[in-house]
C-alpha atoms as a PDB file:
ATOM      1  CA  MET A   1     -17.061 -17.242   6.618  1.00  0.00           C
ATOM      2  CA  LEU A   2     -16.902 -15.545   3.250  1.00  0.00           C
ATOM      3  CA  SER A   3     -17.514 -17.721   0.231  1.00  0.00           C
ATOM      4  CA  CYS A   4     -15.186 -17.474  -2.716  1.00  0.00           C
ATOM      5  CA  SER A   5     -16.142 -18.266  -6.292  1.00  0.00           C
ATOM      6  CA  ASP A   6     -12.698 -17.718  -7.842  1.00  0.00           C
ATOM      7  CA  SER A   7     -11.065 -21.130  -8.233  1.00  0.00           C
ATOM      8  CA  ARG A   8      -7.574 -19.569  -8.465  1.00  0.00           C
ATOM      9  CA  LEU A   9      -8.015 -18.014  -5.038  1.00  0.00           C
ATOM     10  CA  LYS A  10      -9.513 -21.177  -3.525  1.00  0.00           C
ATOM     11  CA  LEU A  11      -6.586 -23.258  -4.756  1.00  0.00           C
ATOM     12  CA  PHE A  12      -3.995 -20.719  -3.571  1.00  0.00           C
ATOM     13  CA  LEU A  13      -5.563 -20.545  -0.108  1.00  0.00           C
ATOM     14  CA  ARG A  14      -5.675 -24.334   0.141  1.00  0.00           C
ATOM     15  CA  GLN A  15      -2.026 -24.661  -0.976  1.00  0.00           C
ATOM     16  CA  LYS A  16      -0.853 -22.040   1.530  1.00  0.00           C
ATOM     17  CA  LYS A  17      -3.143 -23.354   4.299  1.00  0.00           C
ATOM     18  CA  LEU A  18      -4.875 -19.992   4.684  1.00  0.00           C
ATOM     19  CA  LEU A  19      -8.428 -19.160   5.725  1.00  0.00           C
ATOM     20  CA  LEU A  20     -10.425 -16.477   3.976  1.00  0.00           C
ATOM     21  CA  ALA A  21     -11.681 -13.857   6.459  1.00  0.00           C
ATOM     22  CA  GLU A  22     -13.131 -10.999   4.411  1.00  0.00           C
ATOM     23  CA  LYS A  23     -12.862  -8.916   1.269  1.00  0.00           C
ATOM     24  CA  ILE A  24     -11.041  -5.681   2.137  1.00  0.00           C
ATOM     25  CA  ALA A  25     -11.198  -3.862  -1.181  1.00  0.00           C
ATOM     26  CA  LYS A  26     -12.260  -4.174  -4.764  1.00  0.00           C
ATOM     27  CA  GLY A  27     -10.345  -2.152  -7.312  1.00  0.00           C
ATOM     28  CA  TRP A  28     -10.461  -1.715 -11.040  1.00  0.00           C
ATOM     29  CA  SER A  29      -7.986  -4.515 -11.721  1.00  0.00           C
ATOM     30  CA  SER A  30      -7.795  -6.503  -8.489  1.00  0.00           C
ATOM     31  CA  GLU A  31      -9.498  -7.613  -5.316  1.00  0.00           C
ATOM     32  CA  ILE A  32      -7.911  -7.675  -1.883  1.00  0.00           C
ATOM     33  CA  PHE A  33      -8.772 -10.174   0.829  1.00  0.00           C
ATOM     34  CA  LEU A  34      -7.882 -10.493   4.470  1.00  0.00           C
ATOM     35  CA  VAL A  35      -6.774 -14.044   5.216  1.00  0.00           C
ATOM     36  CA  LYS A  36      -5.401 -15.842   8.268  1.00  0.00           C
ATOM     37  CA  ASN A  37      -2.793 -18.540   8.645  1.00  0.00           C
ATOM     38  CA  LYS A  38      -3.107 -21.515  11.012  1.00  0.00           C
ATOM     39  CA  ALA A  39      -1.775 -19.441  13.921  1.00  0.00           C
ATOM     40  CA  GLY A  40      -4.407 -16.747  13.272  1.00  0.00           C
ATOM     41  CA  LYS A  41      -1.945 -14.201  11.865  1.00  0.00           C
ATOM     42  CA  LYS A  42      -3.601 -11.761   9.461  1.00  0.00           C
ATOM     43  CA  LEU A  43      -2.232 -11.520   5.921  1.00  0.00           C
ATOM     44  CA  VAL A  44      -3.416  -9.950   2.679  1.00  0.00           C
ATOM     45  CA  VAL A  45      -4.070 -11.660  -0.638  1.00  0.00           C
ATOM     46  CA  LYS A  46      -4.297  -9.519  -3.747  1.00  0.00           C
ATOM     47  CA  ILE A  47      -5.684 -11.222  -6.838  1.00  0.00           C
ATOM     48  CA  GLU A  48      -5.795  -9.821 -10.345  1.00  0.00           C
ATOM     49  CA  LYS A  49      -9.320  -9.923 -11.737  1.00  0.00           C
ATOM     50  CA  GLU A  50      -9.911 -12.317 -14.613  1.00  0.00           C
ATOM     51  CA  ASP A  51     -11.146  -9.476 -16.821  1.00  0.00           C
ATOM     52  CA  SER A  52      -8.525  -6.941 -15.736  1.00  0.00           C
ATOM     53  CA  PRO A  53      -7.543  -4.562 -18.521  1.00  0.00           C
ATOM     54  CA  ARG A  54      -4.228  -4.034 -16.706  1.00  0.00           C
ATOM     55  CA  LYS A  55      -2.317  -7.110 -17.789  1.00  0.00           C
ATOM     56  CA  ASN A  56       0.515  -8.484 -15.686  1.00  0.00           C
ATOM     57  CA  MET A  57      -0.542  -6.510 -12.609  1.00  0.00           C
ATOM     58  CA  ALA A  58       0.579  -9.289 -10.267  1.00  0.00           C
ATOM     59  CA  GLU A  59       3.964  -9.641 -11.949  1.00  0.00           C
ATOM     60  CA  LYS A  60       4.580  -5.882 -11.882  1.00  0.00           C
ATOM     61  CA  GLU A  61       3.443  -5.426  -8.298  1.00  0.00           C
ATOM     62  CA  THR A  62       5.530  -8.385  -7.149  1.00  0.00           C
ATOM     63  CA  MET A  63       8.640  -6.970  -8.830  1.00  0.00           C
ATOM     64  CA  HIS A  64       8.118  -3.432  -7.490  1.00  0.00           C
ATOM     65  CA  LEU A  65       7.144  -4.497  -3.970  1.00  0.00           C
ATOM     66  CA  ALA A  66      10.213  -6.772  -3.803  1.00  0.00           C
ATOM     67  CA  ALA A  67      12.401  -3.789  -4.795  1.00  0.00           C
ATOM     68  CA  ALA A  68      10.752  -1.619  -2.125  1.00  0.00           C
ATOM     69  CA  ASN A  69      11.129  -4.391   0.480  1.00  0.00           C
ATOM     70  CA  ARG A  70      14.893  -4.480  -0.174  1.00  0.00           C
ATOM     71  CA  ILE A  71      15.044  -0.951   1.290  1.00  0.00           C
ATOM     72  CA  ARG A  72      12.504  -1.800   4.018  1.00  0.00           C
ATOM     73  CA  ILE A  73       9.531  -0.047   2.459  1.00  0.00           C
ATOM     74  CA  GLY A  74       6.014  -1.377   1.988  1.00  0.00           C
ATOM     75  CA  PRO A  75       4.251  -4.431   3.370  1.00  0.00           C
ATOM     76  CA  GLU A  76       6.419  -7.533   3.365  1.00  0.00           C
ATOM     77  CA  LEU A  77       6.015  -9.636   0.227  1.00  0.00           C
ATOM     78  CA  ILE A  78       5.480 -13.141   1.580  1.00  0.00           C
ATOM     79  CA  SER A  79       4.620 -15.238  -1.456  1.00  0.00           C
ATOM     80  CA  PHE A  80       3.162 -15.044  -4.937  1.00  0.00           C
ATOM     81  CA  ASP A  81       1.874 -17.212  -7.741  1.00  0.00           C
ATOM     82  CA  LEU A  82       2.213 -15.420 -11.067  1.00  0.00           C
ATOM     83  CA  GLU A  83       0.393 -18.193 -12.935  1.00  0.00           C
ATOM     84  CA  LYS A  84      -2.660 -17.610 -10.727  1.00  0.00           C
ATOM     85  CA  ARG A  85      -1.890 -13.840 -10.602  1.00  0.00           C
ATOM     86  CA  ILE A  86      -1.989 -13.743  -6.794  1.00  0.00           C
ATOM     87  CA  ILE A  87       0.213 -11.971  -4.247  1.00  0.00           C
ATOM     88  CA  LEU A  88       0.409 -12.737  -0.524  1.00  0.00           C
ATOM     89  CA  MET A  89       1.736  -9.979   1.721  1.00  0.00           C
ATOM     90  CA  GLU A  90       1.850  -8.654   5.239  1.00  0.00           C
ATOM     91  CA  PHE A  91      -1.352  -7.128   6.604  1.00  0.00           C
ATOM     92  CA  ILE A  92      -0.806  -3.554   7.778  1.00  0.00           C
ATOM     93  CA  GLU A  93      -3.096  -2.539  10.626  1.00  0.00           C
ATOM     94  CA  GLY A  94      -3.577   1.187  10.154  1.00  0.00           C
ATOM     95  CA  LYS A  95      -5.612   4.093   8.854  1.00  0.00           C
ATOM     96  CA  HIS A  96      -5.342   5.779   5.488  1.00  0.00           C
ATOM     97  CA  PHE A  97      -3.154   8.854   5.888  1.00  0.00           C
ATOM     98  CA  SER A  98      -5.905  11.407   5.272  1.00  0.00           C
ATOM     99  CA  LYS A  99      -8.254   9.770   7.808  1.00  0.00           C
ATOM    100  CA  TRP A 100      -5.433   9.620  10.337  1.00  0.00           C
ATOM    101  CA  LEU A 101      -4.551  13.274   9.677  1.00  0.00           C
ATOM    102  CA  PHE A 102      -8.125  14.507  10.114  1.00  0.00           C
ATOM    103  CA  ALA A 103      -8.353  12.649  13.436  1.00  0.00           C
ATOM    104  CA  ASN A 104      -6.015  15.427  14.689  1.00  0.00           C
ATOM    105  CA  PRO A 105      -2.729  13.756  15.621  1.00  0.00           C
ATOM    106  CA  SER A 106      -0.401  15.727  17.870  1.00  0.00           C
ATOM    107  CA  LYS A 107       2.229  17.959  16.315  1.00  0.00           C
ATOM    108  CA  LYS A 108       4.917  15.525  17.500  1.00  0.00           C
ATOM    109  CA  ASN A 109       3.170  12.494  15.950  1.00  0.00           C
ATOM    110  CA  LEU A 110       2.483  14.294  12.668  1.00  0.00           C
ATOM    111  CA  LYS A 111       6.091  15.377  12.421  1.00  0.00           C
ATOM    112  CA  LYS A 112       7.242  11.796  13.135  1.00  0.00           C
ATOM    113  CA  CYS A 113       4.925  10.456  10.434  1.00  0.00           C
ATOM    114  CA  ILE A 114       5.892  13.054   7.819  1.00  0.00           C
ATOM    115  CA  ASP A 115       9.618  12.671   8.480  1.00  0.00           C
ATOM    116  CA  SER A 116       9.360   8.909   7.983  1.00  0.00           C
ATOM    117  CA  LEU A 117       7.197   9.296   4.894  1.00  0.00           C
ATOM    118  CA  LEU A 118       9.571  11.764   3.236  1.00  0.00           C
ATOM    119  CA  GLU A 119      12.534   9.540   4.100  1.00  0.00           C
ATOM    120  CA  GLN A 120      10.796   6.573   2.444  1.00  0.00           C
ATOM    121  CA  ALA A 121       9.990   8.668  -0.639  1.00  0.00           C
ATOM    122  CA  GLU A 122      13.620   9.757  -0.881  1.00  0.00           C
ATOM    123  CA  LYS A 123      14.793   6.122  -0.667  1.00  0.00           C
ATOM    124  CA  LEU A 124      12.366   5.116  -3.422  1.00  0.00           C
ATOM    125  CA  ASP A 125      13.720   7.946  -5.585  1.00  0.00           C
ATOM    126  CA  GLU A 126      17.293   6.777  -4.915  1.00  0.00           C
ATOM    127  CA  ILE A 127      16.576   3.267  -6.223  1.00  0.00           C
ATOM    128  CA  GLY A 128      14.619   4.603  -9.211  1.00  0.00           C
ATOM    129  CA  LEU A 129      11.201   3.278  -8.172  1.00  0.00           C
ATOM    130  CA  SER A 130       8.398   5.727  -8.900  1.00  0.00           C
ATOM    131  CA  HIS A 131       5.286   4.845  -6.915  1.00  0.00           C
ATOM    132  CA  GLY A 132       3.151   7.250  -8.935  1.00  0.00           C
ATOM    133  CA  GLN A 133       0.211   7.427  -6.530  1.00  0.00           C
ATOM    134  CA  LEU A 134       1.370   8.930  -3.262  1.00  0.00           C
ATOM    135  CA  ALA A 135      -0.719  12.084  -3.462  1.00  0.00           C
ATOM    136  CA  GLY A 136      -4.474  12.404  -3.838  1.00  0.00           C
ATOM    137  CA  ARG A 137      -6.580  11.021  -0.998  1.00  0.00           C
ATOM    138  CA  GLY A 138      -3.663   9.436   0.823  1.00  0.00           C
ATOM    139  CA  ALA A 139      -5.158   5.995   0.243  1.00  0.00           C
ATOM    140  CA  ASN A 140      -1.804   4.387  -0.583  1.00  0.00           C
ATOM    141  CA  ILE A 141      -0.291   5.375   2.745  1.00  0.00           C
ATOM    142  CA  LEU A 142      -1.367   3.583   5.908  1.00  0.00           C
ATOM    143  CA  VAL A 143      -0.427   4.978   9.311  1.00  0.00           C
ATOM    144  CA  LYS A 144       0.090   2.429  12.069  1.00  0.00           C
ATOM    145  CA  LYS A 145      -0.693   3.062  15.757  1.00  0.00           C
ATOM    146  CA  ASN A 146       2.931   4.041  16.369  1.00  0.00           C
ATOM    147  CA  CYS A 147       2.401   6.897  13.853  1.00  0.00           C
ATOM    148  CA  LEU A 148       4.724   5.308  11.318  1.00  0.00           C
ATOM    149  CA  PRO A 149       3.517   5.296   7.712  1.00  0.00           C
ATOM    150  CA  VAL A 150       3.623   2.331   5.351  1.00  0.00           C
ATOM    151  CA  ILE A 151       3.434   2.910   1.610  1.00  0.00           C
ATOM    152  CA  ILE A 152       1.214   0.299  -0.037  1.00  0.00           C
ATOM    153  CA  ASP A 153      -0.073  -0.635  -3.502  1.00  0.00           C
ATOM    154  CA  PHE A 154       2.879  -0.837  -5.866  1.00  0.00           C
ATOM    155  CA  GLU A 155       0.639  -2.026  -8.719  1.00  0.00           C
ATOM    156  CA  LYS A 156       1.190   1.096 -10.845  1.00  0.00           C
ATOM    157  CA  ALA A 157       4.780   1.734  -9.772  1.00  0.00           C
ATOM    158  CA  SER A 158       7.467   2.030 -12.416  1.00  0.00           C
ATOM    159  CA  GLN A 159      11.204   1.711 -12.669  1.00  0.00           C
ATOM    160  CA  SER A 160      11.254   3.405 -16.058  1.00  0.00           C
ATOM    161  CA  ARG A 161       9.528   6.746 -15.481  1.00  0.00           C
ATOM    162  CA  ARG A 162      11.236   9.665 -13.754  1.00  0.00           C
ATOM    163  CA  CYS A 163      11.068   9.410  -9.970  1.00  0.00           C
ATOM    164  CA  LYS A 164       9.279  12.220  -8.176  1.00  0.00           C
ATOM    165  CA  ASN A 165       8.093  10.527  -5.000  1.00  0.00           C
ATOM    166  CA  TYR A 166       9.726  13.075  -2.679  1.00  0.00           C
ATOM    167  CA  ASN A 167       8.536  16.096  -4.666  1.00  0.00           C
ATOM    168  CA  GLN A 168       5.063  14.635  -5.054  1.00  0.00           C
ATOM    169  CA  LEU A 169       4.752  14.172  -1.297  1.00  0.00           C
ATOM    170  CA  GLN A 170       6.156  17.647  -0.588  1.00  0.00           C
ATOM    171  CA  ALA A 171       3.452  19.154  -2.815  1.00  0.00           C
ATOM    172  CA  TYR A 172       0.737  16.935  -1.318  1.00  0.00           C
ATOM    173  CA  LEU A 173       1.673  17.708   2.276  1.00  0.00           C
ATOM    174  CA  PHE A 174       2.753  21.341   2.115  1.00  0.00           C
ATOM    175  CA  LYS A 175       2.453  23.187  -1.191  1.00  0.00           C
ATOM    176  CA  ASN A 176      -0.967  22.718  -2.770  1.00  0.00           C
ATOM    177  CA  PRO A 177      -3.004  25.742  -1.613  1.00  0.00           C
ATOM    178  CA  LYS A 178      -6.298  24.067  -2.628  1.00  0.00           C
ATOM    179  CA  SER A 179      -5.569  20.875  -0.706  1.00  0.00           C
ATOM    180  CA  ALA A 180      -7.417  20.184   2.544  1.00  0.00           C
ATOM    181  CA  VAL A 181      -4.510  17.911   3.499  1.00  0.00           C
ATOM    182  CA  ALA A 182      -1.906  20.679   3.101  1.00  0.00           C
ATOM    183  CA  ARG A 183      -4.115  23.090   5.086  1.00  0.00           C
ATOM    184  CA  LYS A 184      -4.553  20.518   7.878  1.00  0.00           C
ATOM    185  CA  VAL A 185      -0.813  19.754   8.014  1.00  0.00           C
ATOM    186  CA  LYS A 186      -0.065  23.465   8.247  1.00  0.00           C
ATOM    187  CA  GLU A 187      -2.706  23.946  10.966  1.00  0.00           C
ATOM    188  CA  ILE A 188      -1.252  21.166  13.132  1.00  0.00           C
ATOM    189  CA  LEU A 189       2.409  22.040  12.604  1.00  0.00           C
ATOM    190  CA  GLU A 190       2.046  25.755  13.352  1.00  0.00           C
END
């Protein structure tokens, strides 16, 4: 069992009757833990670091993830405690998009994944929620075993900047001539 030194996290886990399983990731402003409920169901806890320079991360992510959930996008927001700056959400079993892509999915599965991803991006644009980090290494897109993508990490999302989710993904997947991802997508789809 992993030990936890953060009293906010310990208290949250005790209140929600959750067991700490492992640390999944450590970012610049937060840490992410895999936890389990009494029935053994896996969930994710994201906690804002005490010394985070990005203030109100938990509040912003909660607000943006809730907006995305209303259109059935992202991991399900289960609970949160803004005083403790902690978010509890659904655990998505999957691979980061780029890792999944370079494992050579079939043309049919890649097309299914891309179609769903572009549809989600279009829906986010329609509600005015700019994710802001859908390109790059594909780390904010997890692909489940059924080849369906889930957009994660709404920490830096915005409802005030211009939405370009769809265009950003189009460039990432198809248009950037220097991108290994775009080359791989083209190779599989041709």
